[in-house]
Amino acid sequence: MHTALEAIVNRVAQGFGASNAGLLRRDSSQFDKGDVAFIIIAAAMSFFMVPGLAFLYAGLARRKSAMSLIWVVSCSNAVVIAQWLLFGYSLAFSSTANNGFVGDLGNMGLRNVLGDPSPGSTFLPELLYSFYQMEFACVTVGILVGAIAERGRVLPMMAVTLFWTTLVYCPLAYWAWGKNGWAFKWGVLDFAGGGPVEIGSGVGGLVYAWVLGRRREKELINFRPYNVSMVVLGTFMLWFGWIGFNGGCAFGANLRAIMAIWNTMIAAAFGGMAWCLFDYRIGHKFSMVSFCSGTIAGLVLATSASGYVSPWAAMIMGVVAGILCNVATKLKFYLGVDDALDLTALHGVGGVIGLLFNGFFATKSVISLDGVNTSVIGGLVDSNWRQLYIQGAYVAATTGYTFVVTALIVKGIDMIPGLQLRASEESETLGTDDMEIGEFANDFIEVRRHFNDYTQPAEKSSAKRLSHKPSESITVHVTASERKRPNAELYIPHSQIKLHDGFTTSQPPCCDVLHNAITLAKNGHQSCTSGSDSVEESYEQDMLPVNEKAKFDVEEERR
């Protein structure tokens, strides 16, 4: 019995490439330890981009949906890791397939992916190469899932993640980087994923937002970010990770990697300044969110071109990214698609511009710095005009394929009972954090500044009411699971404790009052007025009733 069980375990292990013979087949001393260490560090830095995306999205969204975006980015990362282990890497990089479109299952479960030289570089073991490329898939899907912002259900998004990575990302990666991919053989210049990563996530996000439909507001409103500090934190985490993301694509500690890192930094810096100055002409103020947006736009363009162009071209690339991607944010209004986080403008448009940029400014002098690609010719600066239409055809093929297949996947999953993509009206009104996650980015008690005047209710015997501007108030959150009625957010502006549906009480905002108010809210009390008939009227600007929250969110309307 024991022998039979051991034989079964060994058979399964061999199927997943874990046989002793595979481990001993090649001596790891054939690989340069410096190159191996460099790619390990680059892969770890690339992984740092995933939490960076989570913080960025949470900061850009509204308060009531911040945690759901952190959750969906985190869990989609886990789904991609499982998919990549089982069959994703094989579909994207197997060397035995020769159809030019997608790989086979020869490396399923990382079978035969051990000490052999990788298909991307003979200087790296394939086991390390597969891990590094897995981070690219994780980052791509992390960008894509931002399309559900504020109105999408998280569970169907996990199903979309699995199918999208398999049917869209893996073929795109095989086209550009697989040694038998049609784009690779054709001579397309795509350094770190302008097609698979940027166009894939940007166009895929556009399709997902289109299928979801617009938020329930009557018009597309540019809401202020919930937390600019989180936006800044996420942006600099992305910037740090992007150094490894782009630099590692030289597949070794060489001069080309250093050039790619330099170009990444230059494009990000000039992109941030260009976007910020472009917005300054409107409000005559320097916006931190504008700088962060421009920085990401520059990083997106650098994804395609950082290993092909000279530093002077990277400067131009950053300025072009900051201006054109800024203008592209208006596309969603013309298309009628509620792209809440501007995935299309930043990643889709940025990826297209970066790839076309290579057709003009890619140069052999930079490409050959790795000591391997010495025969590759650049773009127009090297008198290679043919590269222009190669890049253009690749952009068209990548965009068209991503749009069509993503639409089929998303529409198909949306028709499955229980996997409808759109959240309910109640969930959207109260926030997906409360209805789907049960946790909040800032939980339970929050002290916040008021910028709107409100009118203090006067005594019944008085004909006038006093008006003043309070300095702060307290918000108490009571989750839907803590009471029968789902709308459970208490606002306590100074001496008034108020529930959205009309609950008010006039007492000092001390701990006992907070406790009593929460108790009343949990028990589902409809109202507890202070004796003034004008309480609701006095808060008509400061507090909107429940049926109006589908149109406005009080937190974002306080400006």
Protein backbone atom coordinates (compact mmCIF):
# COMPACT_ATOMS: atom_id res chain seq x y z
CA MET A 1 0.00 0.00 0.00
CA HIS A 2 2.78 2.39 0.96
CA THR A 3 4.73 1.56 -2.20
CA ALA A 4 1.69 2.17 -4.41
CA LEU A 5 0.98 5.52 -2.75
CA GLU A 6 4.61 6.56 -3.15
CA ALA A 7 4.49 5.64 -6.84
CA ILE A 8 1.37 7.80 -7.35
CA VAL A 9 3.00 10.77 -5.59
CA ASN A 10 6.15 10.42 -7.69
CA ARG A 11 4.08 10.22 -10.87
CA VAL A 12 2.21 13.41 -10.00
CA ALA A 13 5.48 15.13 -9.06
CA GLN A 14 7.04 14.17 -12.37
CA GLY A 15 4.00 15.54 -14.17
CA PHE A 16 4.63 18.90 -12.52
CA GLY A 17 8.30 18.92 -13.45
CA ALA A 18 9.56 17.96 -9.99
CA SER A 19 11.47 14.81 -10.79
CA ASN A 20 14.96 14.34 -9.44
CA ALA A 21 16.19 13.75 -12.97
CA GLY A 22 14.94 17.19 -13.96
CA LEU A 23 16.66 18.85 -11.03
CA LEU A 24 20.00 17.25 -11.84
CA ARG A 25 19.76 17.56 -15.59
CA ARG A 26 21.77 20.78 -15.70
CA ASP A 27 24.33 22.35 -13.44
CA SER A 28 23.29 25.82 -12.27
CA SER A 29 26.91 26.95 -12.43
CA GLN A 30 26.47 27.57 -16.17
CA PHE A 31 24.43 30.68 -15.35
CA ASP A 32 26.03 33.93 -14.27
CA LYS A 33 25.17 34.52 -10.62
CA GLY A 34 25.08 38.27 -11.12
CA ASP A 35 22.48 37.99 -13.90
CA VAL A 36 20.42 35.55 -11.85
CA ALA A 37 20.51 37.79 -8.77
CA PHE A 38 19.58 40.83 -10.87
CA ILE A 39 16.47 39.16 -12.31
CA ILE A 40 15.42 37.84 -8.90
CA ILE A 41 15.54 41.40 -7.55
CA ALA A 42 13.76 42.74 -10.65
CA ALA A 43 10.98 40.17 -10.19
CA ALA A 44 10.59 41.11 -6.53
CA MET A 45 10.40 44.80 -7.45
CA SER A 46 7.80 44.02 -10.12
CA PHE A 47 5.64 42.26 -7.53
CA PHE A 48 5.66 45.51 -5.54
CA MET A 49 3.57 47.05 -8.32
CA VAL A 50 0.54 44.96 -7.31
CA PRO A 51 0.01 46.61 -3.90
CA GLY A 52 0.91 49.89 -5.60
CA LEU A 53 -2.06 49.46 -7.93
CA ALA A 54 -4.29 48.59 -4.98
CA PHE A 55 -3.40 51.77 -3.09
CA LEU A 56 -3.64 53.89 -6.23
CA TYR A 57 -7.12 52.64 -7.08
CA ALA A 58 -8.35 52.93 -3.49
CA GLY A 59 -7.17 56.53 -3.32
CA LEU A 60 -8.74 57.49 -6.65
CA ALA A 61 -12.13 55.90 -5.95
CA ARG A 62 -14.80 57.10 -3.55
CA ARG A 63 -14.59 56.19 0.10
CA LYS A 64 -17.38 53.63 -0.03
CA SER A 65 -15.59 51.52 -2.68
CA ALA A 66 -11.94 51.83 -1.64
CA MET A 67 -11.56 48.49 0.14
CA SER A 68 -13.33 46.53 -2.59
CA LEU A 69 -10.71 47.72 -5.08
CA ILE A 70 -7.89 46.69 -2.75
CA TRP A 71 -9.55 43.28 -2.38
CA VAL A 72 -10.08 42.69 -6.09
CA VAL A 73 -6.47 43.61 -6.97
CA SER A 74 -5.13 41.33 -4.23
CA CYS A 75 -7.30 38.32 -5.03
CA SER A 76 -6.84 38.61 -8.79
CA ASN A 77 -3.12 38.35 -8.10
CA ALA A 78 -3.70 35.00 -6.40
CA VAL A 79 -5.86 33.75 -9.29
CA VAL A 80 -3.17 34.63 -11.83
CA ILE A 81 -0.45 32.88 -9.82
CA ALA A 82 -2.52 29.68 -9.77
CA GLN A 83 -3.31 29.95 -13.48
CA TRP A 84 0.33 30.61 -14.37
CA LEU A 85 1.49 27.59 -12.38
CA LEU A 86 -1.03 25.19 -13.89
CA PHE A 87 -1.04 26.13 -17.57
CA GLY A 88 -0.57 29.88 -18.10
CA TYR A 89 3.20 29.84 -18.55
CA SER A 90 2.98 26.94 -20.97
CA LEU A 91 0.41 28.74 -23.14
CA ALA A 92 2.51 31.90 -23.21
CA PHE A 93 6.07 30.59 -23.58
CA SER A 94 6.22 26.90 -24.49
CA SER A 95 8.92 26.38 -27.10
CA THR A 96 7.39 23.27 -28.66
CA ALA A 97 4.39 25.02 -30.23
CA ASN A 98 4.90 26.35 -33.74
CA ASN A 99 1.49 27.77 -34.71
CA GLY A 100 2.60 31.37 -34.12
CA PHE A 101 -0.54 32.16 -32.11
CA VAL A 102 -0.40 30.44 -28.70
CA GLY A 103 1.70 27.88 -26.89
CA ASP A 104 0.80 24.29 -26.07
CA LEU A 105 0.58 22.42 -22.75
CA GLY A 106 4.07 20.96 -22.88
CA ASN A 107 5.09 22.94 -19.78
CA MET A 108 1.81 22.45 -17.91
CA GLY A 109 2.35 22.62 -14.17
CA LEU A 110 5.90 23.90 -14.84
CA ARG A 111 6.78 20.52 -16.27
CA ASN A 112 10.33 20.52 -17.67
CA VAL A 113 10.78 24.08 -16.42
CA LEU A 114 13.85 23.74 -14.26
CA GLY A 115 17.51 24.27 -15.03
CA ASP A 116 17.33 24.56 -18.82
CA PRO A 117 18.14 27.92 -20.44
CA SER A 118 15.00 30.02 -20.81
CA PRO A 119 13.36 30.80 -24.16
CA GLY A 120 13.83 34.50 -23.49
CA SER A 121 17.53 34.37 -22.64
CA THR A 122 20.07 31.56 -22.58
CA PHE A 123 21.75 33.32 -19.65
CA LEU A 124 18.83 32.60 -17.29
CA PRO A 125 17.34 29.32 -16.01
CA GLU A 126 13.80 28.80 -17.26
CA LEU A 127 12.51 28.40 -13.71
CA LEU A 128 13.53 31.99 -12.94
CA TYR A 129 12.29 33.26 -16.30
CA SER A 130 8.85 31.75 -15.68
CA PHE A 131 8.65 33.43 -12.28
CA TYR A 132 9.66 36.81 -13.69
CA GLN A 133 7.09 36.58 -16.48
CA MET A 134 4.42 35.61 -13.96
CA GLU A 135 4.79 39.04 -12.36
CA PHE A 136 3.99 40.62 -15.73
CA ALA A 137 0.73 38.69 -15.87
CA CYS A 138 -0.11 39.68 -12.28
CA VAL A 139 0.50 43.37 -12.96
CA THR A 140 -1.52 43.28 -16.20
CA VAL A 141 -4.56 41.78 -14.50
CA GLY A 142 -4.08 44.15 -11.55
CA ILE A 143 -4.49 47.04 -13.99
CA LEU A 144 -7.49 45.44 -15.68
CA VAL A 145 -9.58 44.84 -12.55
CA GLY A 146 -9.76 48.57 -11.85
CA ALA A 147 -12.55 48.63 -14.44
CA ILE A 148 -15.07 47.44 -11.83
CA ALA A 149 -14.67 50.62 -9.77
CA GLU A 150 -17.76 51.49 -7.69
CA ARG A 151 -20.32 49.39 -9.56
CA GLY A 152 -18.95 45.93 -10.33
CA ARG A 153 -19.23 42.71 -8.31
CA VAL A 154 -15.96 41.20 -7.18
CA LEU A 155 -16.79 37.47 -7.58
CA PRO A 156 -17.57 37.60 -11.33
CA MET A 157 -14.38 39.61 -11.77
CA MET A 158 -12.40 36.62 -10.48
CA ALA A 159 -13.98 34.43 -13.16
CA VAL A 160 -13.18 37.06 -15.79
CA THR A 161 -9.60 37.17 -14.49
CA LEU A 162 -9.10 33.45 -15.07
CA PHE A 163 -10.56 33.38 -18.57
CA TRP A 164 -9.05 36.69 -19.64
CA THR A 165 -5.53 35.70 -18.61
CA THR A 166 -5.90 32.41 -20.48
CA LEU A 167 -7.57 33.62 -23.67
CA VAL A 168 -6.19 37.15 -24.01
CA TYR A 169 -2.96 37.71 -22.10
CA CYS A 170 -1.29 34.37 -22.85
CA PRO A 171 -1.76 34.65 -26.65
CA LEU A 172 -0.60 38.29 -26.63
CA ALA A 173 2.51 37.36 -24.65
CA TYR A 174 3.23 34.48 -27.05
CA TRP A 175 2.92 36.80 -30.06
CA ALA A 176 5.45 39.30 -28.71
CA TRP A 177 7.91 37.16 -26.71
CA GLY A 178 7.45 33.52 -27.65
CA LYS A 179 10.29 32.42 -29.90
CA ASN A 180 7.75 31.08 -32.41
CA GLY A 181 5.26 33.95 -32.03
CA TRP A 182 4.31 35.69 -35.26
CA ALA A 183 5.09 39.19 -33.95
CA PHE A 184 8.44 38.09 -32.56
CA LYS A 185 9.44 36.55 -35.89
CA TRP A 186 8.18 39.58 -37.77
CA GLY A 187 10.53 41.86 -35.84
CA VAL A 188 8.10 43.81 -33.65
CA LEU A 189 9.88 45.98 -31.07
CA ASP A 190 8.07 45.64 -27.74
CA PHE A 191 10.51 45.78 -24.86
CA ALA A 192 8.49 45.17 -21.69
CA GLY A 193 4.90 44.72 -22.82
CA GLY A 194 3.32 47.64 -24.64
CA GLY A 195 1.05 45.11 -26.32
CA PRO A 196 0.34 42.34 -23.77
CA VAL A 197 0.50 44.53 -20.66
CA GLU A 198 -0.61 48.03 -21.62
CA ILE A 199 -2.90 47.63 -24.64
CA GLY A 200 -4.23 44.39 -23.18
CA SER A 201 -5.22 45.93 -19.84
CA GLY A 202 -6.28 49.31 -21.27
CA VAL A 203 -8.53 47.97 -24.03
CA GLY A 204 -9.75 45.14 -21.81
CA GLY A 205 -10.69 47.66 -19.12
CA LEU A 206 -12.56 49.75 -21.69
CA VAL A 207 -14.62 46.74 -22.77
CA TYR A 208 -15.37 45.73 -19.17
CA ALA A 209 -16.50 49.27 -18.28
CA TRP A 210 -18.65 49.37 -21.41
CA VAL A 211 -20.41 46.11 -20.53
CA LEU A 212 -20.89 47.20 -16.90
CA GLY A 213 -22.52 50.44 -17.95
CA ARG A 214 -22.31 53.85 -16.39
CA ARG A 215 -22.66 54.54 -12.71
CA ARG A 216 -26.17 55.48 -11.63
CA GLU A 217 -25.43 59.19 -11.56
CA LYS A 218 -27.21 61.03 -14.37
CA GLU A 219 -23.92 62.19 -15.84
CA LEU A 220 -20.27 61.26 -15.66
CA ILE A 221 -18.97 63.29 -12.75
CA ASN A 222 -15.26 63.75 -12.08
CA PHE A 223 -15.33 62.99 -8.37
CA ARG A 224 -12.46 64.12 -6.24
CA PRO A 225 -10.17 61.28 -5.11
CA TYR A 226 -11.04 59.82 -1.74
CA ASN A 227 -7.47 59.91 -0.41
CA VAL A 228 -4.70 61.74 -2.26
CA SER A 229 -2.09 60.38 0.15
CA MET A 230 -2.94 56.84 -0.96
CA VAL A 231 -2.69 57.96 -4.59
CA VAL A 232 0.82 59.29 -3.97
CA LEU A 233 1.85 56.16 -2.06
CA GLY A 234 0.54 53.89 -4.80
CA THR A 235 2.22 55.94 -7.54
CA PHE A 236 5.66 55.80 -5.96
CA MET A 237 5.28 52.09 -5.25
CA LEU A 238 4.51 51.64 -8.95
CA TRP A 239 7.44 53.84 -9.94
CA PHE A 240 9.80 51.77 -7.79
CA GLY A 241 8.44 48.50 -9.14
CA TRP A 242 8.56 49.73 -12.74
CA ILE A 243 12.35 50.07 -12.47
CA GLY A 244 12.58 46.30 -12.06
CA PHE A 245 9.73 45.70 -14.49
CA ASN A 246 11.53 47.48 -17.35
CA GLY A 247 15.14 47.02 -16.29
CA GLY A 248 14.77 43.27 -15.91
CA CYS A 249 13.67 42.88 -19.53
CA ALA A 250 17.33 43.17 -20.56
CA PHE A 251 17.59 39.72 -18.88
CA GLY A 252 20.93 40.43 -17.30
CA ALA A 253 23.00 42.94 -15.37
CA ASN A 254 24.23 44.77 -18.46
CA LEU A 255 24.38 48.24 -19.98
CA ARG A 256 21.04 47.84 -21.73
CA ALA A 257 19.35 47.24 -18.37
CA ILE A 258 20.90 50.43 -17.02
CA MET A 259 19.77 52.36 -20.09
CA ALA A 260 16.23 51.00 -19.67
CA ILE A 261 16.20 52.11 -16.03
CA TRP A 262 17.47 55.58 -16.96
CA ASN A 263 14.84 55.97 -19.67
CA THR A 264 12.13 54.79 -17.27
CA MET A 265 13.08 57.46 -14.74
CA ILE A 266 13.35 60.19 -17.38
CA ALA A 267 9.99 59.40 -19.00
CA ALA A 268 8.22 59.25 -15.63
CA ALA A 269 9.67 62.56 -14.45
CA PHE A 270 8.93 64.48 -17.64
CA GLY A 271 5.49 62.87 -17.93
CA GLY A 272 4.56 63.99 -14.44
CA MET A 273 5.73 67.56 -15.04
CA ALA A 274 4.01 67.80 -18.42
CA TRP A 275 0.64 66.58 -17.13
CA CYS A 276 0.82 68.82 -14.07
CA LEU A 277 1.64 71.93 -16.11
CA PHE A 278 -1.02 71.06 -18.68
CA ASP A 279 -3.65 71.00 -15.91
CA TYR A 280 -2.28 74.17 -14.32
CA ARG A 281 -3.60 76.21 -17.24
CA ILE A 282 -7.17 75.35 -16.12
CA GLY A 283 -7.23 75.82 -12.35
CA HIS A 284 -3.94 77.68 -11.85
CA LYS A 285 -3.04 75.22 -9.10
CA PHE A 286 -0.48 72.42 -8.99
CA SER A 287 -2.34 69.16 -8.49
CA MET A 288 -0.61 66.17 -6.90
CA VAL A 289 -3.04 63.82 -8.63
CA SER A 290 -2.10 65.40 -11.96
CA PHE A 291 1.58 64.78 -11.29
CA CYS A 292 0.89 61.16 -10.33
CA SER A 293 -1.21 60.61 -13.45
CA GLY A 294 1.50 62.02 -15.70
CA THR A 295 4.14 59.93 -13.99
CA ILE A 296 2.18 56.76 -14.68
CA ALA A 297 1.64 57.85 -18.29
CA GLY A 298 5.40 58.24 -18.72
CA LEU A 299 6.01 54.83 -17.17
CA VAL A 300 3.49 53.25 -19.53
CA LEU A 301 5.26 54.62 -22.60
CA ALA A 302 8.60 53.53 -21.16
CA THR A 303 7.25 49.98 -20.93
CA SER A 304 7.33 49.70 -24.70
CA ALA A 305 10.40 51.75 -25.49
CA SER A 306 12.84 52.03 -22.56
CA GLY A 307 15.21 49.38 -23.93
CA TYR A 308 15.24 50.77 -27.47
CA VAL A 309 15.62 54.56 -27.32
CA SER A 310 18.22 57.09 -26.23
CA PRO A 311 17.77 59.36 -23.19
CA TRP A 312 16.97 62.40 -25.35
CA ALA A 313 14.12 60.43 -26.93
CA ALA A 314 12.91 59.41 -23.45
CA MET A 315 12.54 63.11 -22.59
CA ILE A 316 10.34 63.63 -25.63
CA MET A 317 8.49 60.44 -24.77
CA GLY A 318 7.66 61.72 -21.27
CA VAL A 319 6.32 65.06 -22.48
CA VAL A 320 4.24 63.39 -25.21
CA ALA A 321 2.87 60.92 -22.66
CA GLY A 322 1.88 63.65 -20.21
CA ILE A 323 0.02 65.72 -22.80
CA LEU A 324 -1.58 63.11 -25.07
CA CYS A 325 -2.72 60.81 -22.26
CA ASN A 326 -4.16 63.85 -20.48
CA VAL A 327 -6.18 64.75 -23.57
CA ALA A 328 -7.19 61.09 -23.97
CA THR A 329 -8.98 61.16 -20.61
CA LYS A 330 -11.80 62.99 -22.41
CA LEU A 331 -12.38 60.04 -24.75
CA LYS A 332 -14.67 58.36 -22.23
CA PHE A 333 -17.12 61.26 -22.50
CA TYR A 334 -17.28 61.00 -26.28
CA LEU A 335 -17.59 57.21 -26.15
CA GLY A 336 -20.15 57.28 -23.33
CA VAL A 337 -18.12 54.72 -21.36
CA ASP A 338 -17.70 55.28 -17.63
CA ASP A 339 -14.00 54.47 -17.34
CA ALA A 340 -13.79 55.59 -13.73
CA LEU A 341 -10.01 55.18 -13.32
CA ASP A 342 -8.99 56.19 -16.87
CA LEU A 343 -7.46 52.83 -17.73
CA THR A 344 -7.98 53.43 -21.43
CA ALA A 345 -6.33 56.85 -21.49
CA LEU A 346 -3.32 55.87 -19.42
CA HIS A 347 -2.64 52.27 -20.44
CA GLY A 348 -4.45 51.76 -23.72
CA VAL A 349 -3.51 55.04 -25.39
CA GLY A 350 -0.13 55.09 -23.65
CA GLY A 351 0.67 51.59 -24.88
CA VAL A 352 -0.24 52.49 -28.46
CA ILE A 353 1.89 55.65 -28.42
CA GLY A 354 4.85 53.82 -26.91
CA LEU A 355 4.83 51.11 -29.56
CA LEU A 356 4.55 53.62 -32.39
CA PHE A 357 7.32 55.61 -30.72
CA ASN A 358 9.66 52.66 -31.30
CA GLY A 359 9.04 52.86 -35.02
CA PHE A 360 10.57 56.34 -35.01
CA PHE A 361 13.18 56.45 -32.26
CA ALA A 362 14.41 52.89 -31.61
CA THR A 363 18.13 52.74 -32.29
CA LYS A 364 20.59 49.90 -32.77
CA SER A 365 23.16 51.59 -30.55
CA VAL A 366 20.91 51.06 -27.52
CA ILE A 367 19.55 47.64 -28.50
CA SER A 368 23.05 46.18 -28.84
CA LEU A 369 24.13 47.28 -25.35
CA ASP A 370 23.21 43.85 -23.98
CA GLY A 371 25.86 42.24 -26.17
CA VAL A 372 23.33 39.79 -27.61
CA ASN A 373 20.97 41.64 -29.98
CA THR A 374 23.73 43.15 -32.07
CA SER A 375 22.03 42.46 -35.40
CA VAL A 376 18.67 44.09 -34.58
CA ILE A 377 17.98 47.31 -36.49
CA GLY A 378 16.08 50.18 -34.90
CA GLY A 379 13.43 52.44 -36.39
CA LEU A 380 13.36 55.52 -38.54
CA VAL A 381 16.45 57.05 -36.88
CA ASP A 382 18.35 54.04 -38.26
CA SER A 383 16.75 54.57 -41.69
CA ASN A 384 14.49 51.55 -41.14
CA TRP A 385 11.18 52.97 -42.36
CA ARG A 386 9.76 49.43 -42.58
CA GLN A 387 9.58 49.35 -38.78
CA LEU A 388 6.82 51.95 -38.82
CA TYR A 389 4.22 49.76 -40.49
CA ILE A 390 5.37 46.68 -38.53
CA GLN A 391 4.63 48.53 -35.30
CA GLY A 392 1.34 49.87 -36.67
CA ALA A 393 0.13 46.45 -37.76
CA TYR A 394 1.06 44.98 -34.38
CA VAL A 395 -0.90 47.72 -32.57
CA ALA A 396 -3.96 47.09 -34.75
CA ALA A 397 -3.83 43.31 -34.27
CA THR A 398 -3.34 43.55 -30.51
CA THR A 399 -6.10 46.12 -30.05
CA GLY A 400 -8.61 44.30 -32.23
CA TYR A 401 -7.98 40.88 -30.72
CA THR A 402 -8.18 42.19 -27.16
CA PHE A 403 -11.42 44.07 -27.80
CA VAL A 404 -13.25 41.18 -29.46
CA VAL A 405 -12.16 38.36 -27.15
CA THR A 406 -12.62 40.42 -23.99
CA ALA A 407 -16.15 41.35 -25.09
CA LEU A 408 -17.00 37.68 -25.66
CA ILE A 409 -15.59 36.67 -22.27
CA VAL A 410 -17.29 39.44 -20.33
CA LYS A 411 -20.66 39.10 -22.07
CA GLY A 412 -20.57 35.32 -21.67
CA ILE A 413 -19.84 35.40 -17.94
CA ASP A 414 -22.45 38.12 -17.41
CA MET A 415 -25.14 35.75 -18.75
CA ILE A 416 -24.30 32.99 -16.24
CA PRO A 417 -26.80 32.95 -13.33
CA GLY A 418 -25.16 34.20 -10.17
CA LEU A 419 -22.24 35.79 -12.03
CA GLN A 420 -23.85 39.00 -13.20
CA LEU A 421 -21.14 41.64 -13.40
CA ARG A 422 -23.15 44.67 -12.24
CA ALA A 423 -23.77 45.30 -8.56
CA SER A 424 -27.30 45.99 -7.37
CA GLU A 425 -28.59 49.53 -7.01
CA GLU A 426 -28.54 49.17 -3.23
CA SER A 427 -24.95 47.93 -3.28
CA GLU A 428 -23.85 50.77 -5.51
CA THR A 429 -25.64 53.36 -3.38
CA LEU A 430 -24.28 52.15 -0.06
CA GLY A 431 -20.91 51.12 -1.47
CA THR A 432 -19.40 47.79 -2.44
CA ASP A 433 -17.21 47.91 0.66
CA ASP A 434 -20.21 47.45 2.93
CA MET A 435 -22.28 45.14 0.76
CA GLU A 436 -19.59 42.83 -0.65
CA ILE A 437 -16.47 43.10 1.50
CA GLY A 438 -17.81 43.99 4.96
CA GLU A 439 -14.72 46.06 5.73
CA PHE A 440 -13.70 49.66 5.13
CA ALA A 441 -10.48 51.43 4.28
CA ASN A 442 -11.19 53.71 7.27
CA ASP A 443 -13.42 51.80 9.63
CA PHE A 444 -16.08 52.97 12.06
CA ILE A 445 -15.03 56.42 13.32
CA GLU A 446 -13.64 59.17 11.14
CA VAL A 447 -13.01 62.80 12.01
CA ARG A 448 -13.39 64.99 8.96
CA ARG A 449 -13.46 68.65 8.04
CA HIS A 450 -16.63 70.41 6.93
CA PHE A 451 -16.48 72.99 4.18
CA ASN A 452 -20.21 73.63 3.79
CA ASP A 453 -22.12 75.95 6.06
CA TYR A 454 -25.05 74.42 7.82
CA THR A 455 -27.79 76.13 9.79
CA GLN A 456 -28.12 75.34 13.47
CA PRO A 457 -31.80 74.71 14.34
CA ALA A 458 -33.20 77.45 16.56
CA GLU A 459 -35.40 77.08 19.59
CA LYS A 460 -39.13 76.83 18.91
CA SER A 461 -39.69 80.27 20.41
CA SER A 462 -37.10 81.91 18.20
CA ALA A 463 -37.88 83.29 14.77
CA LYS A 464 -34.25 83.20 13.61
CA ARG A 465 -31.70 80.47 13.28
CA LEU A 466 -28.02 80.85 13.93
CA SER A 467 -25.57 79.92 11.19
CA HIS A 468 -21.97 78.94 11.73
CA LYS A 469 -19.29 76.76 10.15
CA PRO A 470 -18.17 73.83 12.31
CA SER A 471 -14.55 72.75 12.24
CA GLU A 472 -15.05 69.02 12.30
CA SER A 473 -17.52 66.23 12.81
CA ILE A 474 -17.54 62.53 13.49
CA THR A 475 -18.76 59.79 11.21
CA VAL A 476 -19.80 56.46 12.67
CA HIS A 477 -20.18 53.46 10.37
CA VAL A 478 -22.52 50.62 11.28
CA THR A 479 -22.24 47.77 8.78
CA ALA A 480 -25.25 46.11 7.21
CA SER A 481 -24.51 42.92 9.10
CA GLU A 482 -24.94 44.78 12.40
CA ARG A 483 -28.53 45.81 11.81
CA LYS A 484 -31.45 44.70 9.71
CA ARG A 485 -31.70 47.81 7.58
CA PRO A 486 -28.66 48.17 5.29
CA ASN A 487 -28.31 51.95 5.39
CA ALA A 488 -26.30 52.40 8.55
CA GLU A 489 -24.04 55.39 8.45
CA LEU A 490 -24.27 57.98 11.22
CA TYR A 491 -23.16 61.56 10.80
CA ILE A 492 -22.54 63.57 13.95
CA PRO A 493 -21.97 67.23 13.06
CA HIS A 494 -21.12 68.77 16.42
CA SER A 495 -24.28 68.55 18.56
CA GLN A 496 -26.37 66.60 16.09
CA ILE A 497 -26.31 62.86 15.51
CA LYS A 498 -28.03 62.09 12.25
CA LEU A 499 -28.82 58.94 10.30
CA HIS A 500 -29.27 59.16 6.52
CA ASP A 501 -32.91 58.17 6.76
CA GLY A 502 -33.86 60.91 9.21
CA PHE A 503 -32.51 59.78 12.59
CA THR A 504 -31.35 62.78 14.64
CA THR A 505 -30.70 63.56 18.26
CA SER A 506 -29.40 66.73 19.88
CA GLN A 507 -26.78 66.03 22.54
CA PRO A 508 -23.06 66.71 23.02
CA PRO A 509 -20.95 64.35 20.86
CA CYS A 510 -19.50 62.35 23.73
CA CYS A 511 -18.78 58.64 23.97
CA ASP A 512 -22.11 57.86 25.67
CA VAL A 513 -24.01 59.54 22.88
CA LEU A 514 -22.04 57.61 20.26
CA HIS A 515 -22.82 54.37 22.04
CA ASN A 516 -26.51 55.20 22.30
CA ALA A 517 -26.67 56.30 18.68
CA ILE A 518 -25.05 53.11 17.44
CA THR A 519 -27.41 51.07 19.61
CA LEU A 520 -30.42 52.86 18.14
CA ALA A 521 -29.07 52.36 14.63
CA LYS A 522 -28.56 48.65 15.17
CA ASN A 523 -32.10 48.33 16.48
CA GLY A 524 -33.45 50.01 13.35
CA HIS A 525 -35.02 53.13 14.90
CA GLN A 526 -36.48 55.42 12.28
CA SER A 527 -36.15 58.76 14.07
CA CYS A 528 -35.37 60.48 17.33
CA THR A 529 -35.76 64.21 16.83
CA SER A 530 -34.60 67.02 19.07
CA GLY A 531 -38.00 68.66 19.15
CA SER A 532 -37.34 71.02 16.26
CA ASP A 533 -39.42 70.72 13.14
CA SER A 534 -36.70 72.35 11.08
CA VAL A 535 -33.87 69.87 11.67
CA GLU A 536 -34.19 68.17 8.28
CA GLU A 537 -34.45 71.50 6.50
CA SER A 538 -31.39 72.85 8.26
CA TYR A 539 -29.31 69.99 6.89
CA GLU A 540 -30.65 69.91 3.37
CA GLN A 541 -27.21 70.72 1.96
CA ASP A 542 -25.12 68.93 4.55
CA MET A 543 -27.09 65.69 4.50
CA LEU A 544 -28.98 64.10 1.62
CA PRO A 545 -31.69 61.48 2.15
CA VAL A 546 -31.15 57.90 1.04
CA ASN A 547 -33.07 58.14 -2.21
CA GLU A 548 -30.77 60.95 -3.35
CA LYS A 549 -27.51 59.13 -2.64
CA ALA A 550 -27.72 57.41 -6.00
CA LYS A 551 -27.19 60.84 -7.52
CA PHE A 552 -24.75 62.36 -5.09
CA ASP A 553 -22.40 61.04 -2.47
CA VAL A 554 -22.22 63.42 0.45
CA GLU A 555 -18.58 62.80 1.16
CA GLU A 556 -17.47 63.85 -2.31
CA GLU A 557 -19.91 66.75 -2.56
CA ARG A 558 -18.28 68.53 0.44
CA ARG A 559 -15.78 70.73 -1.35
